[in-house]
Protein backbone atom coordinates (compact mmCIF):
# COMPACT_ATOMS: atom_id res chain seq x y z
CA UNK A 1 20.72 -82.58 -103.34
CA UNK A 2 23.79 -83.32 -101.84
CA UNK A 3 22.89 -80.98 -99.24
CA UNK A 4 19.66 -83.00 -98.08
CA UNK A 5 20.49 -84.56 -94.62
CA UNK A 6 18.16 -87.53 -95.45
CA UNK A 7 18.07 -89.81 -98.70
CA UNK A 8 14.73 -89.33 -100.46
CA UNK A 9 13.96 -92.88 -101.10
CA UNK A 10 13.92 -92.97 -96.97
CA UNK A 11 11.63 -90.20 -96.92
CA UNK A 12 9.61 -92.12 -99.32
CA UNK A 13 9.61 -95.25 -97.28
CA UNK A 14 8.28 -93.14 -94.07
CA UNK A 15 5.67 -91.26 -96.59
CA UNK A 16 4.06 -94.22 -98.21
CA UNK A 17 3.81 -97.55 -95.68
CA UNK A 18 1.12 -99.40 -93.59
CA UNK A 19 0.94 -96.54 -91.09
CA UNK A 20 0.18 -93.99 -93.74
CA UNK A 21 -2.15 -94.23 -96.27
CA UNK A 22 -3.14 -91.24 -99.05
CA UNK A 23 -6.21 -92.60 -100.86
CA UNK A 24 -5.86 -89.59 -103.66
CA UNK A 25 -2.25 -89.71 -103.41
CA UNK A 26 0.82 -87.44 -102.05
CA UNK A 27 3.21 -85.03 -103.03
CA UNK A 28 6.63 -85.03 -100.96
CA UNK A 29 8.58 -81.96 -100.56
CA UNK A 30 12.07 -81.82 -100.19
CA UNK A 31 14.37 -79.51 -98.48
CA UNK A 32 11.97 -77.35 -95.96
CA UNK A 33 14.01 -76.02 -93.32
CA UNK A 34 12.95 -77.09 -89.57
CA UNK A 35 12.43 -73.72 -87.73
CA UNK A 36 10.63 -74.57 -84.40
CA UNK A 37 8.48 -71.59 -83.58
CA UNK A 38 7.04 -73.00 -80.23
CA UNK A 39 8.30 -75.41 -77.96
CA UNK A 40 6.40 -77.92 -75.99
CA UNK A 41 8.66 -80.54 -74.22
CA UNK A 42 12.42 -79.63 -74.64
CA UNK A 43 13.70 -76.21 -75.66
CA UNK A 44 14.58 -76.15 -79.45
CA UNK A 45 12.20 -79.24 -80.40
CA UNK A 46 9.64 -77.38 -81.52
CA UNK A 47 5.92 -78.56 -81.01
CA UNK A 48 4.68 -81.84 -80.96
CA UNK A 49 1.69 -83.32 -80.48
CA UNK A 50 0.85 -86.28 -77.93
CA UNK A 51 -1.64 -89.17 -77.77
CA UNK A 52 -4.90 -87.74 -76.47
CA UNK A 53 -4.63 -84.30 -78.08
CA UNK A 54 -7.65 -82.92 -79.79
CA UNK A 55 -7.28 -81.18 -83.07
CA UNK A 56 -9.85 -79.69 -84.60
CA UNK A 57 -9.58 -77.54 -87.74
CA UNK A 58 -13.11 -75.52 -88.17
CA UNK A 59 -15.35 -73.49 -91.10
CA UNK A 60 -18.44 -71.51 -90.22
CA UNK A 61 -19.89 -73.05 -93.68
CA UNK A 62 -18.30 -76.32 -93.74
CA UNK A 63 -18.26 -77.72 -90.09
CA UNK A 64 -15.66 -79.23 -88.18
CA UNK A 65 -12.83 -82.00 -88.90
CA UNK A 66 -11.70 -83.03 -85.25
CA UNK A 67 -9.30 -85.70 -84.62
CA UNK A 68 -7.80 -87.39 -81.70
CA UNK A 69 -3.99 -87.96 -81.72
CA UNK A 70 -2.91 -91.55 -81.68
CA UNK A 71 -0.30 -93.74 -82.59
CA UNK A 72 -0.60 -94.52 -85.88
CA UNK A 73 -0.70 -98.29 -85.67
CA UNK A 74 -3.46 -97.96 -83.21
CA UNK A 75 -5.88 -95.89 -85.65
CA UNK A 76 -7.81 -97.32 -88.47
CA UNK A 77 -6.79 -97.20 -92.08
CA UNK A 78 -7.30 -93.40 -93.67
CA UNK A 79 -9.65 -93.89 -96.59
CA UNK A 80 -11.24 -90.73 -96.65
CA UNK A 81 -9.61 -89.10 -99.41
CA UNK A 82 -9.85 -85.36 -101.14
CA UNK A 83 -12.34 -87.22 -103.74
CA UNK A 84 -14.48 -88.37 -101.15
CA UNK A 85 -14.40 -85.43 -99.53
CA UNK A 86 -15.66 -83.59 -102.36
CA UNK A 87 -18.56 -85.63 -103.18
CA UNK A 88 -19.59 -85.46 -99.13
CA UNK A 89 -19.40 -81.81 -99.58
CA UNK A 90 -21.36 -81.94 -102.98
CA UNK A 91 -23.88 -84.25 -100.99
CA UNK A 92 -24.16 -81.49 -98.48
CA UNK A 93 -24.66 -78.65 -100.71
CA UNK A 94 -21.56 -77.30 -99.58
CA UNK A 95 -19.47 -76.64 -102.84
CA UNK A 96 -21.73 -73.68 -104.33
CA UNK A 97 -20.53 -70.45 -103.61
CA UNK A 98 -23.74 -69.41 -101.78
CA UNK A 99 -25.73 -71.63 -99.38
CA UNK A 100 -28.83 -73.21 -101.17
CA UNK A 101 -32.08 -70.85 -100.82
CA UNK A 102 -34.77 -72.19 -98.31
CA UNK A 103 -32.91 -73.78 -96.02
CA UNK A 104 -34.41 -72.86 -92.69
CA UNK A 105 -32.91 -75.79 -90.76
CA UNK A 106 -29.80 -75.80 -88.58
CA UNK A 107 -27.06 -77.34 -91.27
CA UNK A 108 -25.63 -80.45 -90.90
CA UNK A 109 -22.02 -80.62 -89.51
CA UNK A 110 -19.43 -83.49 -89.33
CA UNK A 111 -16.72 -84.01 -86.87
CA UNK A 112 -15.17 -87.01 -88.66
CA UNK A 113 -12.62 -89.49 -87.30
CA UNK A 114 -9.30 -90.17 -89.25
CA UNK A 115 -10.80 -93.10 -91.26
CA UNK A 116 -13.59 -90.48 -92.57
CA UNK A 117 -16.39 -91.80 -90.98
CA UNK A 118 -18.05 -88.83 -89.74
CA UNK A 119 -20.91 -88.36 -87.83
CA UNK A 120 -23.81 -85.76 -88.99
CA UNK A 121 -25.16 -83.57 -86.53
CA UNK A 122 -27.73 -81.00 -86.09
CA UNK A 123 -27.67 -78.26 -83.71
CA UNK A 124 -29.59 -75.45 -82.22
CA UNK A 125 -26.81 -73.39 -80.65
CA UNK A 126 -27.44 -70.97 -77.74
CA UNK A 127 -24.58 -70.00 -75.17
CA UNK A 128 -25.05 -69.62 -71.22
CA UNK A 129 -27.15 -72.80 -70.40
CA UNK A 130 -26.16 -76.47 -70.47
CA UNK A 131 -26.71 -78.24 -73.59
CA UNK A 132 -28.83 -81.35 -74.60
CA UNK A 133 -27.00 -83.84 -76.64
CA UNK A 134 -29.24 -87.01 -77.04
CA UNK A 135 -26.87 -90.11 -77.88
CA UNK A 136 -27.90 -92.89 -80.28
CA UNK A 137 -31.01 -94.62 -81.19
CA UNK A 138 -33.05 -91.93 -80.16
CA UNK A 139 -35.68 -91.36 -83.03
CA UNK A 140 -38.83 -90.00 -82.04
CA UNK A 141 -37.59 -89.44 -78.50
CA UNK A 142 -34.64 -87.10 -80.22
CA UNK A 143 -36.73 -85.19 -82.14
CA UNK A 144 -39.34 -84.41 -79.61
CA UNK A 145 -36.69 -83.17 -77.48
CA UNK A 146 -35.18 -81.13 -80.57
CA UNK A 147 -38.81 -79.48 -80.60
CA UNK A 148 -39.29 -78.99 -77.13
CA UNK A 149 -35.92 -77.40 -76.83
CA UNK A 150 -36.55 -74.98 -79.50
CA UNK A 151 -40.09 -74.08 -78.12
CA UNK A 152 -37.89 -72.89 -74.66
CA UNK A 153 -34.86 -71.36 -76.52
CA UNK A 154 -32.68 -74.31 -75.39
CA UNK A 155 -29.74 -75.61 -76.72
CA UNK A 156 -29.78 -78.79 -78.55
CA UNK A 157 -27.68 -81.10 -80.74
CA UNK A 158 -28.22 -84.60 -81.75
CA UNK A 159 -26.22 -86.87 -84.13
CA UNK A 160 -25.89 -89.98 -86.02
CA UNK A 161 -23.03 -92.49 -85.33
CA UNK A 162 -20.85 -93.48 -88.15
CA UNK A 163 -22.95 -96.11 -90.24
CA UNK A 164 -26.17 -94.72 -88.39
CA UNK A 165 -28.68 -92.39 -90.31
CA UNK A 166 -27.50 -90.07 -92.43
CA UNK A 167 -23.73 -90.56 -91.67
CA UNK A 168 -21.12 -92.06 -93.70
CA UNK A 169 -19.72 -95.60 -93.07
CA UNK A 170 -20.77 -98.97 -93.14
CA UNK A 171 -22.67 -100.11 -89.62
CA UNK A 172 -20.98 -103.82 -89.64
CA UNK A 173 -17.62 -102.02 -89.77
CA UNK A 174 -18.41 -100.08 -86.49
CA UNK A 175 -18.26 -101.01 -82.81
CA UNK A 176 -18.71 -99.49 -79.65
CA UNK A 177 -15.19 -97.66 -79.38
CA UNK A 178 -15.79 -96.22 -82.92
CA UNK A 179 -19.16 -94.75 -81.95
CA UNK A 180 -17.71 -93.26 -78.58
CA UNK A 181 -15.02 -91.72 -80.59
CA UNK A 182 -17.80 -90.11 -82.88
CA UNK A 183 -19.57 -88.87 -79.65
CA UNK A 184 -16.46 -87.30 -77.89
CA UNK A 185 -15.32 -85.49 -81.37
CA UNK A 186 -18.92 -83.74 -81.42
CA UNK A 187 -18.98 -82.97 -77.99
CA UNK A 188 -15.67 -81.42 -78.51
CA UNK A 189 -16.33 -80.11 -82.04
CA UNK A 190 -19.78 -78.85 -81.72
CA UNK A 191 -20.37 -77.98 -78.13
CA UNK A 192 -19.46 -75.49 -75.21
CA UNK A 193 -19.29 -76.11 -71.83
CA UNK A 194 -20.87 -78.92 -69.61
CA UNK A 195 -23.82 -80.79 -71.47
CA UNK A 196 -26.93 -82.64 -70.52
CA UNK A 197 -26.09 -86.32 -71.80
CA UNK A 198 -29.12 -88.02 -73.07
CA UNK A 199 -28.51 -91.69 -74.22
CA UNK A 200 -31.01 -94.30 -75.25
CA UNK A 201 -30.31 -97.91 -74.99
CA UNK A 202 -26.59 -98.28 -76.90
CA UNK A 203 -26.65 -94.46 -76.22
CA UNK A 204 -26.63 -94.98 -72.65
CA UNK A 205 -23.63 -96.97 -72.73
CA UNK A 206 -22.03 -94.41 -74.71
CA UNK A 207 -23.13 -91.40 -72.61
CA UNK A 208 -21.79 -93.29 -69.44
CA UNK A 209 -18.19 -93.47 -71.20
CA UNK A 210 -18.63 -89.76 -72.15
CA UNK A 211 -19.13 -88.72 -68.45
CA UNK A 212 -16.40 -90.76 -67.25
CA UNK A 213 -13.88 -89.39 -70.33
CA UNK A 214 -14.92 -86.19 -70.25
CA UNK A 215 -16.34 -85.46 -66.73
CA UNK A 216 -15.72 -81.64 -66.69
CA UNK A 217 -18.50 -81.69 -69.85
CA UNK A 218 -21.01 -83.30 -68.07
CA UNK A 219 -23.65 -81.21 -66.46
CA UNK A 220 -26.16 -83.93 -66.21
CA UNK A 221 -27.12 -87.55 -67.68
CA UNK A 222 -30.27 -88.93 -68.56
CA UNK A 223 -30.34 -92.59 -69.87
CA UNK A 224 -33.43 -94.13 -71.45
CA UNK A 225 -33.26 -98.05 -71.11
CA UNK A 226 -29.49 -97.66 -70.85
CA UNK A 227 -27.89 -100.65 -71.84
CA UNK A 228 -23.63 -100.47 -70.78
CA UNK A 229 -22.07 -103.87 -71.59
CA UNK A 230 -25.12 -105.27 -73.56
CA UNK A 231 -22.82 -107.17 -75.96
CA UNK A 232 -21.35 -108.88 -73.14
CA UNK A 233 -23.97 -109.48 -70.81
CA UNK A 234 -26.93 -109.46 -73.07
CA UNK A 235 -25.38 -110.85 -76.50
CA UNK A 236 -22.70 -113.08 -75.91
CA UNK A 237 -23.98 -115.51 -73.08
CA UNK A 238 -27.16 -115.93 -74.58
CA UNK A 239 -25.78 -117.13 -78.32
CA UNK A 240 -25.94 -120.84 -78.88
CA UNK A 241 -22.78 -122.29 -79.13
CA UNK A 242 -23.44 -122.33 -83.37
CA UNK A 243 -23.80 -118.92 -83.25
CA UNK A 244 -20.68 -118.03 -81.21
CA UNK A 245 -18.53 -120.23 -83.47
CA UNK A 246 -20.19 -118.77 -86.72
CA UNK A 247 -19.07 -115.42 -85.09
CA UNK A 248 -15.86 -116.57 -84.22
CA UNK A 249 -15.33 -118.34 -88.09
CA UNK A 250 -17.09 -115.88 -90.12
CA UNK A 251 -16.86 -112.63 -88.05
CA UNK A 252 -20.39 -111.75 -88.36
CA UNK A 253 -23.93 -113.09 -87.66
CA UNK A 254 -26.87 -111.59 -88.48
CA UNK A 255 -29.91 -111.51 -86.24
CA UNK A 256 -33.52 -110.73 -86.73
CA UNK A 257 -34.71 -107.38 -85.43
CA UNK A 258 -38.28 -106.34 -84.11
CA UNK A 259 -37.56 -102.93 -85.73
CA UNK A 260 -36.04 -103.75 -89.34
CA UNK A 261 -34.02 -105.42 -91.20
CA UNK A 262 -31.21 -108.02 -89.34
CA UNK A 263 -28.35 -106.64 -87.63
CA UNK A 264 -25.29 -107.68 -87.88
CA UNK A 265 -23.29 -108.77 -84.99
CA UNK A 266 -19.71 -108.57 -85.67
CA UNK A 267 -16.80 -110.24 -83.88
CA UNK A 268 -15.27 -106.80 -83.50
CA UNK A 269 -18.36 -105.67 -81.73
CA UNK A 270 -18.33 -108.30 -79.20
CA UNK A 271 -14.36 -108.40 -78.61
CA UNK A 272 -14.36 -104.20 -78.90
CA UNK A 273 -16.79 -104.00 -76.16
CA UNK A 274 -15.07 -105.92 -73.62
CA UNK A 275 -12.60 -103.01 -74.02
CA UNK A 276 -15.16 -100.55 -72.94
CA UNK A 277 -16.98 -102.47 -70.23
CA UNK A 278 -18.08 -100.36 -67.09
CA UNK A 279 -20.77 -102.92 -65.00
CA UNK A 280 -17.26 -104.44 -63.33
CA UNK A 281 -17.01 -102.05 -60.62
CA UNK A 282 -17.82 -98.38 -59.59
CA UNK A 283 -18.96 -96.26 -62.46
CA UNK A 284 -16.97 -92.76 -61.65
CA UNK A 285 -19.60 -90.21 -62.48
CA UNK A 286 -20.36 -87.74 -59.85
CA UNK A 287 -22.72 -85.44 -61.70
CA UNK A 288 -26.62 -85.98 -61.34
CA UNK A 289 -27.91 -89.15 -63.38
CA UNK A 290 -31.71 -89.89 -64.09
CA UNK A 291 -32.68 -93.17 -65.34
CA UNK A 292 -35.68 -94.13 -67.45
CA UNK A 293 -36.47 -97.88 -67.73
CA UNK A 294 -39.83 -99.55 -69.05
CA UNK A 295 -40.34 -102.61 -67.25
CA UNK A 296 -41.90 -104.61 -70.12
CA UNK A 297 -38.74 -104.05 -71.87
CA UNK A 298 -38.08 -107.21 -74.14
CA UNK A 299 -34.56 -106.09 -75.05
CA UNK A 300 -32.77 -104.81 -71.87
CA UNK A 301 -34.04 -106.02 -68.66
CA UNK A 302 -35.33 -103.26 -66.31
CA UNK A 303 -33.33 -104.69 -63.51
CA UNK A 304 -30.16 -103.07 -65.15
CA UNK A 305 -31.39 -99.54 -64.16
CA UNK A 306 -31.21 -99.69 -60.30
CA UNK A 307 -27.92 -101.97 -61.08
CA UNK A 308 -26.43 -98.94 -62.97
CA UNK A 309 -27.73 -96.83 -60.15
CA UNK A 310 -25.74 -98.86 -57.47
CA UNK A 311 -22.60 -98.73 -59.47
CA UNK A 312 -22.35 -94.93 -59.80
CA UNK A 313 -20.49 -92.84 -57.68
CA UNK A 314 -22.70 -89.91 -57.68
CA UNK A 315 -25.04 -89.96 -54.73
CA UNK A 316 -27.69 -87.87 -56.89
CA UNK A 317 -29.06 -90.84 -58.88
CA UNK A 318 -32.84 -91.39 -59.48
CA UNK A 319 -34.45 -94.64 -61.10
CA UNK A 320 -38.09 -94.09 -62.51
CA UNK A 321 -39.75 -97.55 -63.53
CA UNK A 322 -42.71 -97.23 -65.78
CA UNK A 323 -44.52 -100.52 -65.53
CA UNK A 324 -46.40 -100.62 -68.70
CA UNK A 325 -43.45 -99.24 -70.79
CA UNK A 326 -41.43 -101.03 -73.29
CA UNK A 327 -37.81 -100.93 -75.01
CA UNK A 328 -38.35 -97.61 -76.85
CA UNK A 329 -40.52 -95.63 -74.49
CA UNK A 330 -41.85 -93.74 -77.38
CA UNK A 331 -45.72 -93.08 -76.27
CA UNK A 332 -46.52 -89.49 -75.94
CA UNK A 333 -46.78 -90.05 -72.14
CA UNK A 334 -43.09 -91.41 -72.72
CA UNK A 335 -41.91 -88.28 -74.40
CA UNK A 336 -43.57 -86.31 -71.55
CA UNK A 337 -41.69 -88.18 -69.08
CA UNK A 338 -38.29 -87.98 -70.97
CA UNK A 339 -38.97 -84.04 -71.37
CA UNK A 340 -39.65 -83.38 -67.99
CA UNK A 341 -37.05 -85.64 -66.72
CA UNK A 342 -34.43 -83.80 -68.98
CA UNK A 343 -35.51 -80.69 -68.62
CA UNK A 344 -35.35 -80.87 -64.39
CA UNK A 345 -32.12 -82.41 -64.84
CA UNK A 346 -30.99 -79.42 -66.64
CA UNK A 347 -32.18 -77.03 -63.61
């Protein structure tokens, strides 16, 4: 013990503190020699990660765990420990030695953030052509694209954000930044090469954020009733003073939804949204963009589409307005239009 350069109590303080959480406990091994095998910055200092590095650990059967390096004080608390991982694997049927019989679908894969709020994805992989990646709230549109891609032999990936669909996490705990991180991790972990990003409503905002963040991975973008900045332009200004006060005081306000149960609108959603606004200036996307919007959309005004087009740097932008179309654009003729648009953008 006298040869150890740092006091064990100091090491324990570094191991367990507000910046490091171990849901299932931790083991501290002392006396491990430091032997750098690869220098990154200075000679003899070894390898260390930088903020923004993408760290990926993958298994063909279990999927991929992908994390983006950040400062510990900027990361969500880590609550997804070994016990939670085992429960997750059991729910997905991944703990058995052999895959379950009768499974003929592409298995769900996870690309989890450090907090364990993973995004569940289903993929039809194929090399050599741009993939299609629907981002958010697609529902029947995503399923329609999946079937058309399968019929034409095209790569396809769809996923649920954390707190949505079959993904882990609590919807009310999420925000635009979290869901954008989900999208970035899925793109990094489960796709190769340029992608055609297809975003519906909030997914259109996420798709534009991904196009700005990962321009080398963008082949084209298709927005369906895209709603960038909606927390700031379509929500906050239209809340009453009482509603705003309730959000600031209680942290959450439940609003009725025409599509199901009330939707919790949190203070975190509103405040985080301000960190990801796009419509205040040029949107630095230089690839082809196609925007579809129903003129009977009661959720996102159709005039948002030409406003997005005006701010895009790309010259290859087309806006298609469906005069009798609503927000979802889910009728058979709407689905055909979406597929034709995606197929043309792919080419």
